Amino acid sequence: MRFHHLLAAGCLSFFSLASHAEILTNLYQVREPVSSQSPEERTQATQKALQTLVIRLTGDAKALQNPALEPVRKDPQQIIRQYGYDAGPPESLQVDFDPVSTERALRQAGLSLWGSNRPALLGWWLADSVEGSSLVGDGQSAAEPLRRAAQHRGLPLRLPLADLSEQLVGTVDNIEGANPAPLREASERYGADALLAVHAREEGGQWQAKWRMWLGDQQEQGSAQAADQAALADAVMLAVSERLAPRYVVKPGISTEQLLEVHGMTLERYASLGRLLEPFGGQLVRIDGDRSVYQVNGSAEQLRAQLGLAHLQEIPASEGAPVTEAGQTPAATPAAQLRFRW
């Protein structure tokens, strides 16, 4: 595992990690558990996979009920590339959806979409059972259900090592506490964008959890319950996904068209920025040295959230437009409404 040493901003009252967002390469691949390979169960699993994908891309559990998606609900094969069976465990039907036809169907239905560049979560997961209490760490067998659940819900998840020092930090009081400060120091060595703290426990044969998430200066919290740990992990990740999605989804036809100016561009950064701006239909309209101007469709809040994943900093309006050696501001393009620098 690669560690990133980050500086903690002591003047901030909230938990903040430098951005290390991830591009999800398997965003359109969905696995749904099956007990057999019968045609009936394959049909049911395919419908579940479609529902999972639509929630993964929109963050909206009701999105698939959109009347415009009725043809896709009746015949999911029109947006499926291929499917097969994964022996597991657990045995699953693996469905590979076609990104182009899927996005086209969802956008034509007027749905908001969340791109493949997503904030990485650092998960502190404390589980209490009849066998005792344990912090789930990277490399443990108990981590696999958490990773499967995160992948199922389209979330990049990282776990701490859960060594002795981290076990001393990952207590019930710290994980259930409203102040993330006790977990901050132990979390600084991991590259992540958000902190997720979960306390799961078994009671009467059922599992339940309380969770909190910090992303930037905002905090989210909730609870979940399920029959087993794997189902509980999926329920928590689903809830977290539904809270995160509104920050990044882009709704067609409603977003504002505007110009975005980015300073400090290099050849390598063009590809990275292009991926970030994909959900906003980013089009490069001008290059001036290390400054580039893009035409984008999205609200200022959405763009700030997305660009924050790459750790870009917004340029204050008070700095004014850049000036050339001749003392003139660059011409040929109207002033950009938003300006950022790497």
Protein backbone atom coordinates (compact mmCIF):
# COMPACT_ATOMS: atom_id res chain seq x y z
CA MET A 1 0.00 0.00 0.00
CA ARG A 2 1.24 3.42 -0.87
CA PHE A 3 1.17 5.97 1.95
CA HIS A 4 0.74 9.71 1.53
CA HIS A 5 1.93 12.02 4.28
CA LEU A 6 -0.49 14.89 4.51
CA LEU A 7 -0.44 18.14 6.45
CA ALA A 8 -3.29 18.70 8.88
CA ALA A 9 -4.70 22.19 8.81
CA GLY A 10 -5.02 22.97 12.50
CA CYS A 11 -7.09 26.09 11.93
CA LEU A 12 -9.93 24.04 10.44
CA SER A 13 -12.72 22.80 12.66
CA PHE A 14 -13.49 19.93 10.34
CA PHE A 15 -11.65 16.87 9.02
CA SER A 16 -9.95 17.46 5.70
CA LEU A 17 -7.69 15.20 3.66
CA ALA A 18 -5.87 16.14 0.47
CA SER A 19 -7.74 14.91 -2.56
CA HIS A 20 -6.87 11.51 -3.98
CA ALA A 21 -9.98 10.70 -6.00
CA GLU A 22 -10.05 7.52 -8.01
CA ILE A 23 -11.27 6.67 -11.49
CA LEU A 24 -13.54 3.62 -11.18
CA THR A 25 -12.67 1.38 -14.10
CA ASN A 26 -15.37 -1.18 -13.25
CA LEU A 27 -18.21 1.29 -12.81
CA TYR A 28 -20.37 -0.45 -15.43
CA GLN A 29 -19.69 -3.99 -14.21
CA VAL A 30 -22.22 -5.31 -11.67
CA ARG A 31 -22.23 -8.57 -9.75
CA GLU A 32 -25.39 -9.91 -8.14
CA PRO A 33 -25.42 -13.08 -5.96
CA VAL A 34 -27.28 -16.12 -7.33
CA SER A 35 -28.01 -19.58 -5.97
CA SER A 36 -28.28 -21.23 -9.39
CA GLN A 37 -27.78 -20.58 -13.09
CA SER A 38 -31.40 -21.12 -14.05
CA PRO A 39 -32.95 -18.80 -16.65
CA GLU A 40 -35.47 -17.51 -14.09
CA GLU A 41 -32.82 -16.55 -11.57
CA ARG A 42 -30.64 -15.04 -14.28
CA THR A 43 -33.54 -12.80 -15.29
CA GLN A 44 -34.10 -11.72 -11.69
CA ALA A 45 -30.38 -11.07 -11.13
CA THR A 46 -30.19 -9.06 -14.36
CA GLN A 47 -33.00 -6.81 -13.12
CA LYS A 48 -31.20 -6.37 -9.79
CA ALA A 49 -27.99 -5.53 -11.64
CA LEU A 50 -29.81 -2.88 -13.67
CA GLN A 51 -31.22 -1.35 -10.50
CA THR A 52 -27.78 -1.40 -8.87
CA LEU A 53 -26.18 0.29 -11.88
CA VAL A 54 -28.79 3.04 -12.12
CA ILE A 55 -28.43 3.85 -8.40
CA ARG A 56 -24.64 3.73 -8.79
CA LEU A 57 -24.79 6.29 -11.61
CA THR A 58 -27.49 8.57 -10.21
CA GLY A 59 -27.51 8.12 -6.44
CA ASP A 60 -31.30 7.92 -6.69
CA ALA A 61 -33.08 4.71 -5.58
CA LYS A 62 -36.21 5.73 -7.52
CA ALA A 63 -34.47 6.65 -10.77
CA LEU A 64 -35.22 3.34 -12.51
CA GLN A 65 -38.96 3.99 -12.07
CA ASN A 66 -38.68 6.92 -14.48
CA PRO A 67 -41.32 6.29 -17.20
CA ALA A 68 -38.75 7.07 -19.91
CA LEU A 69 -36.74 4.01 -18.80
CA GLU A 70 -39.59 1.54 -19.28
CA PRO A 71 -38.04 0.09 -22.50
CA VAL A 72 -34.79 -0.56 -20.63
CA ARG A 73 -36.60 -2.13 -17.69
CA LYS A 74 -38.46 -4.46 -20.02
CA ASP A 75 -35.37 -5.35 -22.04
CA PRO A 76 -32.06 -4.66 -20.22
CA GLN A 77 -30.21 -6.59 -22.96
CA GLN A 78 -30.21 -3.46 -25.14
CA ILE A 79 -27.61 -1.85 -22.84
CA ILE A 80 -25.70 -5.03 -21.87
CA ARG A 81 -22.44 -6.00 -23.53
CA GLN A 82 -22.09 -9.43 -21.95
CA TYR A 83 -22.74 -11.45 -18.84
CA GLY A 84 -21.28 -14.51 -17.16
CA TYR A 85 -21.02 -16.31 -13.85
CA ASP A 86 -18.42 -15.77 -11.16
CA ALA A 87 -17.82 -18.80 -8.91
CA GLY A 88 -17.14 -16.49 -5.97
CA PRO A 89 -17.73 -16.94 -3.14
CA PRO A 90 -20.43 -15.86 -3.32
CA GLU A 91 -21.51 -17.20 -6.70
CA SER A 92 -22.66 -14.23 -8.74
CA LEU A 93 -24.00 -13.21 -12.10
CA GLN A 94 -21.59 -10.66 -13.59
CA VAL A 95 -23.21 -8.17 -15.96
CA ASP A 96 -21.11 -5.82 -18.09
CA PHE A 97 -23.20 -2.85 -19.22
CA ASP A 98 -22.29 -0.71 -22.21
CA PRO A 99 -21.30 2.78 -20.95
CA VAL A 100 -22.33 4.69 -24.08
CA SER A 101 -25.82 3.22 -24.51
CA THR A 102 -26.44 3.27 -20.75
CA GLU A 103 -25.54 6.94 -20.37
CA ARG A 104 -27.54 7.82 -23.45
CA ALA A 105 -30.66 6.15 -22.03
CA LEU A 106 -30.27 7.82 -18.65
CA ARG A 107 -29.59 11.27 -20.07
CA GLN A 108 -32.52 11.02 -22.47
CA ALA A 109 -34.65 10.24 -19.42
CA GLY A 110 -33.46 13.53 -17.91
CA LEU A 111 -31.58 11.87 -15.05
CA SER A 112 -28.61 13.36 -13.23
CA LEU A 113 -25.39 11.36 -13.67
CA TRP A 114 -22.35 10.86 -11.46
CA GLY A 115 -19.10 10.31 -13.38
CA SER A 116 -16.41 7.70 -12.80
CA ASN A 117 -14.07 10.08 -10.90
CA ARG A 118 -15.17 9.67 -7.28
CA PRO A 119 -13.91 10.61 -3.81
CA ALA A 120 -11.87 7.94 -2.07
CA LEU A 121 -13.18 6.87 1.34
CA LEU A 122 -11.02 5.86 4.29
CA GLY A 123 -13.16 3.45 6.28
CA TRP A 124 -12.78 2.94 10.03
CA TRP A 125 -15.06 -0.06 10.59
CA LEU A 126 -15.40 -1.36 14.16
CA ALA A 127 -17.38 -4.61 14.50
CA ASP A 128 -18.75 -5.98 17.80
CA SER A 129 -19.88 -9.60 17.93
CA VAL A 130 -20.19 -12.41 20.46
CA GLU A 131 -16.51 -13.10 19.80
CA GLY A 132 -15.47 -9.59 20.81
CA SER A 133 -14.71 -6.22 19.21
CA SER A 134 -12.33 -5.74 16.29
CA LEU A 135 -11.24 -2.99 13.91
CA VAL A 136 -11.33 -4.21 10.30
CA GLY A 137 -7.98 -3.65 8.64
CA ASP A 138 -6.51 -3.89 5.18
CA GLY A 139 -5.43 -7.47 4.48
CA GLN A 140 -7.88 -9.10 6.90
CA SER A 141 -10.48 -11.57 5.64
CA ALA A 142 -13.16 -9.38 7.26
CA ALA A 143 -12.21 -6.63 4.79
CA GLU A 144 -13.50 -8.54 1.75
CA PRO A 145 -17.23 -8.00 2.41
CA LEU A 146 -16.54 -4.28 2.86
CA ARG A 147 -14.64 -4.07 -0.43
CA ARG A 148 -17.35 -6.01 -2.27
CA ALA A 149 -20.01 -3.71 -0.86
CA ALA A 150 -18.06 -0.58 -1.82
CA GLN A 151 -17.51 -1.89 -5.35
CA HIS A 152 -21.19 -2.86 -5.58
CA ARG A 153 -22.19 0.71 -4.74
CA GLY A 154 -19.55 2.43 -6.86
CA LEU A 155 -17.34 3.76 -4.06
CA PRO A 156 -13.53 3.71 -3.84
CA LEU A 157 -12.81 2.35 -0.34
CA ARG A 158 -9.50 2.23 1.51
CA LEU A 159 -8.97 0.66 4.92
CA PRO A 160 -6.39 1.35 7.61
CA LEU A 161 -3.84 -1.30 8.49
CA ALA A 162 -5.49 -1.73 11.90
CA ASP A 163 -2.13 -2.15 13.60
CA LEU A 164 -1.82 -1.83 17.37
CA SER A 165 -1.63 1.97 17.36
CA GLU A 166 -4.73 2.24 15.16
CA GLN A 167 -6.67 -0.24 17.27
CA LEU A 168 -6.05 2.02 20.25
CA VAL A 169 -7.54 4.90 18.26
CA GLY A 170 -10.43 3.00 16.66
CA THR A 171 -12.53 2.78 19.83
CA VAL A 172 -16.31 3.04 20.16
CA ASP A 173 -16.05 6.53 21.65
CA ASN A 174 -13.87 7.81 18.83
CA ILE A 175 -15.77 6.14 16.00
CA GLU A 176 -19.22 7.16 17.27
CA GLY A 177 -18.07 10.62 18.32
CA ALA A 178 -19.20 13.71 16.44
CA ASN A 179 -15.68 15.17 16.48
CA PRO A 180 -13.33 13.50 13.98
CA ALA A 181 -10.21 14.90 15.67
CA PRO A 182 -9.30 11.65 17.52
CA LEU A 183 -9.14 9.80 14.17
CA ARG A 184 -7.38 12.62 12.31
CA GLU A 185 -3.77 11.92 13.20
CA ALA A 186 -4.05 8.22 12.48
CA SER A 187 -5.71 8.94 9.13
CA GLU A 188 -3.18 11.40 7.77
CA ARG A 189 -0.89 8.78 6.28
CA TYR A 190 -3.62 7.41 3.99
CA GLY A 191 -4.57 9.12 0.74
CA ALA A 192 -8.31 9.73 0.84
CA ASP A 193 -10.91 12.43 0.32
CA ALA A 194 -13.46 11.46 2.95
CA LEU A 195 -13.48 9.78 6.35
CA LEU A 196 -16.09 7.10 7.06
CA ALA A 197 -16.48 5.86 10.63
CA VAL A 198 -18.76 2.86 11.25
CA HIS A 199 -19.66 1.02 14.44
CA ALA A 200 -21.35 -2.28 13.63
CA ARG A 201 -22.69 -4.69 16.24
CA GLU A 202 -24.65 -7.90 16.43
CA GLU A 203 -27.79 -8.06 18.55
CA GLY A 204 -30.35 -10.86 18.61
CA GLY A 205 -29.08 -12.43 15.43
CA GLN A 206 -29.27 -9.14 13.51
CA TRP A 207 -26.56 -6.65 12.59
CA GLN A 208 -26.92 -2.90 12.90
CA ALA A 209 -24.57 0.03 12.43
CA LYS A 210 -24.19 3.71 13.12
CA TRP A 211 -22.04 5.62 10.65
CA ARG A 212 -20.61 9.10 10.17
CA MET A 213 -18.86 10.57 7.15
CA TRP A 214 -16.80 13.75 6.82
CA LEU A 215 -16.07 15.27 3.41
CA GLY A 216 -14.60 18.74 3.41
CA ASP A 217 -16.55 20.86 5.86
CA GLN A 218 -19.69 18.73 5.74
CA GLN A 219 -20.73 15.84 7.94
CA GLU A 220 -23.28 13.12 7.19
CA GLN A 221 -24.56 10.40 9.49
CA GLY A 222 -27.04 7.57 9.53
CA SER A 223 -27.83 4.04 10.63
CA ALA A 224 -28.46 0.70 8.94
CA GLN A 225 -29.46 -2.83 9.80
CA ALA A 226 -29.30 -6.19 8.03
CA ALA A 227 -29.32 -9.93 8.56
CA ASP A 228 -25.54 -10.39 8.26
CA GLN A 229 -22.32 -8.41 8.00
CA ALA A 230 -22.13 -8.52 4.21
CA ALA A 231 -25.66 -7.16 3.83
CA LEU A 232 -24.96 -4.53 6.49
CA ALA A 233 -21.86 -3.36 4.63
CA ASP A 234 -23.91 -3.04 1.44
CA ALA A 235 -26.62 -1.06 3.26
CA VAL A 236 -24.06 1.37 4.70
CA MET A 237 -22.31 1.87 1.36
CA LEU A 238 -25.64 2.45 -0.36
CA ALA A 239 -26.56 5.13 2.17
CA VAL A 240 -23.15 6.80 1.82
CA SER A 241 -23.43 6.76 -1.97
CA GLU A 242 -26.84 8.40 -1.85
CA ARG A 243 -25.44 11.18 0.37
CA LEU A 244 -22.37 11.76 -1.81
CA ALA A 245 -24.03 11.71 -5.24
CA PRO A 246 -25.88 15.06 -5.00
CA ARG A 247 -22.50 16.82 -4.71
CA TYR A 248 -21.31 15.57 -8.09
CA VAL A 249 -24.23 14.57 -10.33
CA VAL A 250 -24.93 16.68 -13.40
CA LYS A 251 -28.51 17.03 -14.63
CA PRO A 252 -28.87 17.55 -18.41
CA GLY A 253 -30.77 20.57 -19.58
CA ILE A 254 -30.66 22.42 -16.26
CA SER A 255 -26.97 23.07 -15.67
CA THR A 256 -25.52 26.45 -16.56
CA GLU A 257 -23.16 26.84 -19.52
CA GLN A 258 -20.07 28.77 -18.46
CA LEU A 259 -16.34 29.17 -19.01
CA LEU A 260 -13.76 27.61 -16.73
CA GLU A 261 -10.17 28.84 -16.70
CA VAL A 262 -7.45 26.60 -15.25
CA HIS A 263 -3.87 27.72 -14.54
CA GLY A 264 -0.77 25.58 -14.16
CA MET A 265 -1.59 23.17 -16.98
CA THR A 266 0.93 20.59 -18.15
CA LEU A 267 0.70 17.86 -20.76
CA GLU A 268 0.01 15.25 -18.08
CA ARG A 269 -2.71 17.35 -16.47
CA TYR A 270 -4.77 17.67 -19.64
CA ALA A 271 -5.79 14.01 -19.46
CA SER A 272 -6.58 14.24 -15.75
CA LEU A 273 -8.65 17.40 -16.17
CA GLY A 274 -10.42 15.93 -19.18
CA ARG A 275 -11.64 13.01 -17.06
CA LEU A 276 -12.78 15.38 -14.31
CA LEU A 277 -14.79 17.47 -16.75
CA GLU A 278 -16.40 14.57 -18.63
CA PRO A 279 -19.69 14.78 -16.67
CA PHE A 280 -19.88 18.49 -17.55
CA GLY A 281 -19.27 18.05 -21.28
CA GLY A 282 -16.00 19.95 -20.96
CA GLN A 283 -14.72 21.37 -24.27
CA LEU A 284 -11.31 23.02 -24.59
CA VAL A 285 -11.77 26.41 -26.28
CA ARG A 286 -8.47 28.19 -25.71
CA ILE A 287 -4.85 27.63 -24.60
CA ASP A 288 -2.56 30.47 -23.51
CA GLY A 289 0.71 29.20 -22.10
CA ASP A 290 -0.08 27.21 -18.97
CA ARG A 291 -3.63 28.59 -18.91
CA SER A 292 -6.54 26.77 -20.54
CA VAL A 293 -10.18 27.75 -20.92
CA TYR A 294 -12.97 25.16 -21.09
CA GLN A 295 -16.64 25.46 -21.89
CA VAL A 296 -18.60 23.41 -19.36
CA ASN A 297 -22.19 22.75 -18.36
CA GLY A 298 -22.75 22.63 -14.61
CA SER A 299 -23.43 24.68 -11.56
CA ALA A 300 -20.58 26.45 -9.81
CA GLU A 301 -21.10 24.29 -6.72
CA GLN A 302 -20.88 21.06 -8.71
CA LEU A 303 -17.75 22.21 -10.52
CA ARG A 304 -16.08 23.24 -7.27
CA ALA A 305 -16.83 19.83 -5.76
CA GLN A 306 -15.53 17.97 -8.82
CA LEU A 307 -12.35 20.04 -9.18
CA GLY A 308 -11.73 19.66 -5.48
CA LEU A 309 -11.21 15.94 -6.10
CA ALA A 310 -8.02 16.84 -7.99
CA HIS A 311 -7.01 19.36 -5.31
CA LEU A 312 -7.37 22.37 -7.60
CA GLN A 313 -7.65 25.71 -5.80
CA GLU A 314 -10.08 28.42 -6.80
CA ILE A 315 -8.53 31.75 -7.74
CA PRO A 316 -10.17 34.63 -5.87
CA ALA A 317 -11.96 37.20 -8.03
CA SER A 318 -9.84 39.86 -6.34
CA GLU A 319 -6.74 38.63 -8.20
CA GLY A 320 -8.21 39.80 -11.49
CA ALA A 321 -7.44 38.50 -14.98
CA PRO A 322 -3.86 37.57 -15.95
CA VAL A 323 -1.82 40.21 -17.80
CA THR A 324 0.62 39.63 -20.64
CA GLU A 325 4.10 41.18 -20.91
CA ALA A 326 2.60 43.86 -23.13
CA GLY A 327 0.27 44.84 -20.32
CA GLN A 328 -2.89 43.48 -21.96
CA THR A 329 -5.27 40.82 -20.71
CA PRO A 330 -5.57 37.79 -23.03
CA ALA A 331 -8.14 38.35 -25.77
CA ALA A 332 -10.28 36.18 -28.05
CA THR A 333 -12.29 34.62 -25.20
CA PRO A 334 -14.85 36.19 -22.83
CA ALA A 335 -13.90 36.27 -19.15
CA ALA A 336 -14.26 32.96 -17.37
CA GLN A 337 -16.82 32.77 -14.60
CA LEU A 338 -14.70 30.28 -12.65
CA ARG A 339 -10.89 30.29 -12.34
CA PHE A 340 -8.75 27.59 -10.71
CA ARG A 341 -5.08 26.69 -10.40
CA TRP A 342 -3.27 23.42 -9.78
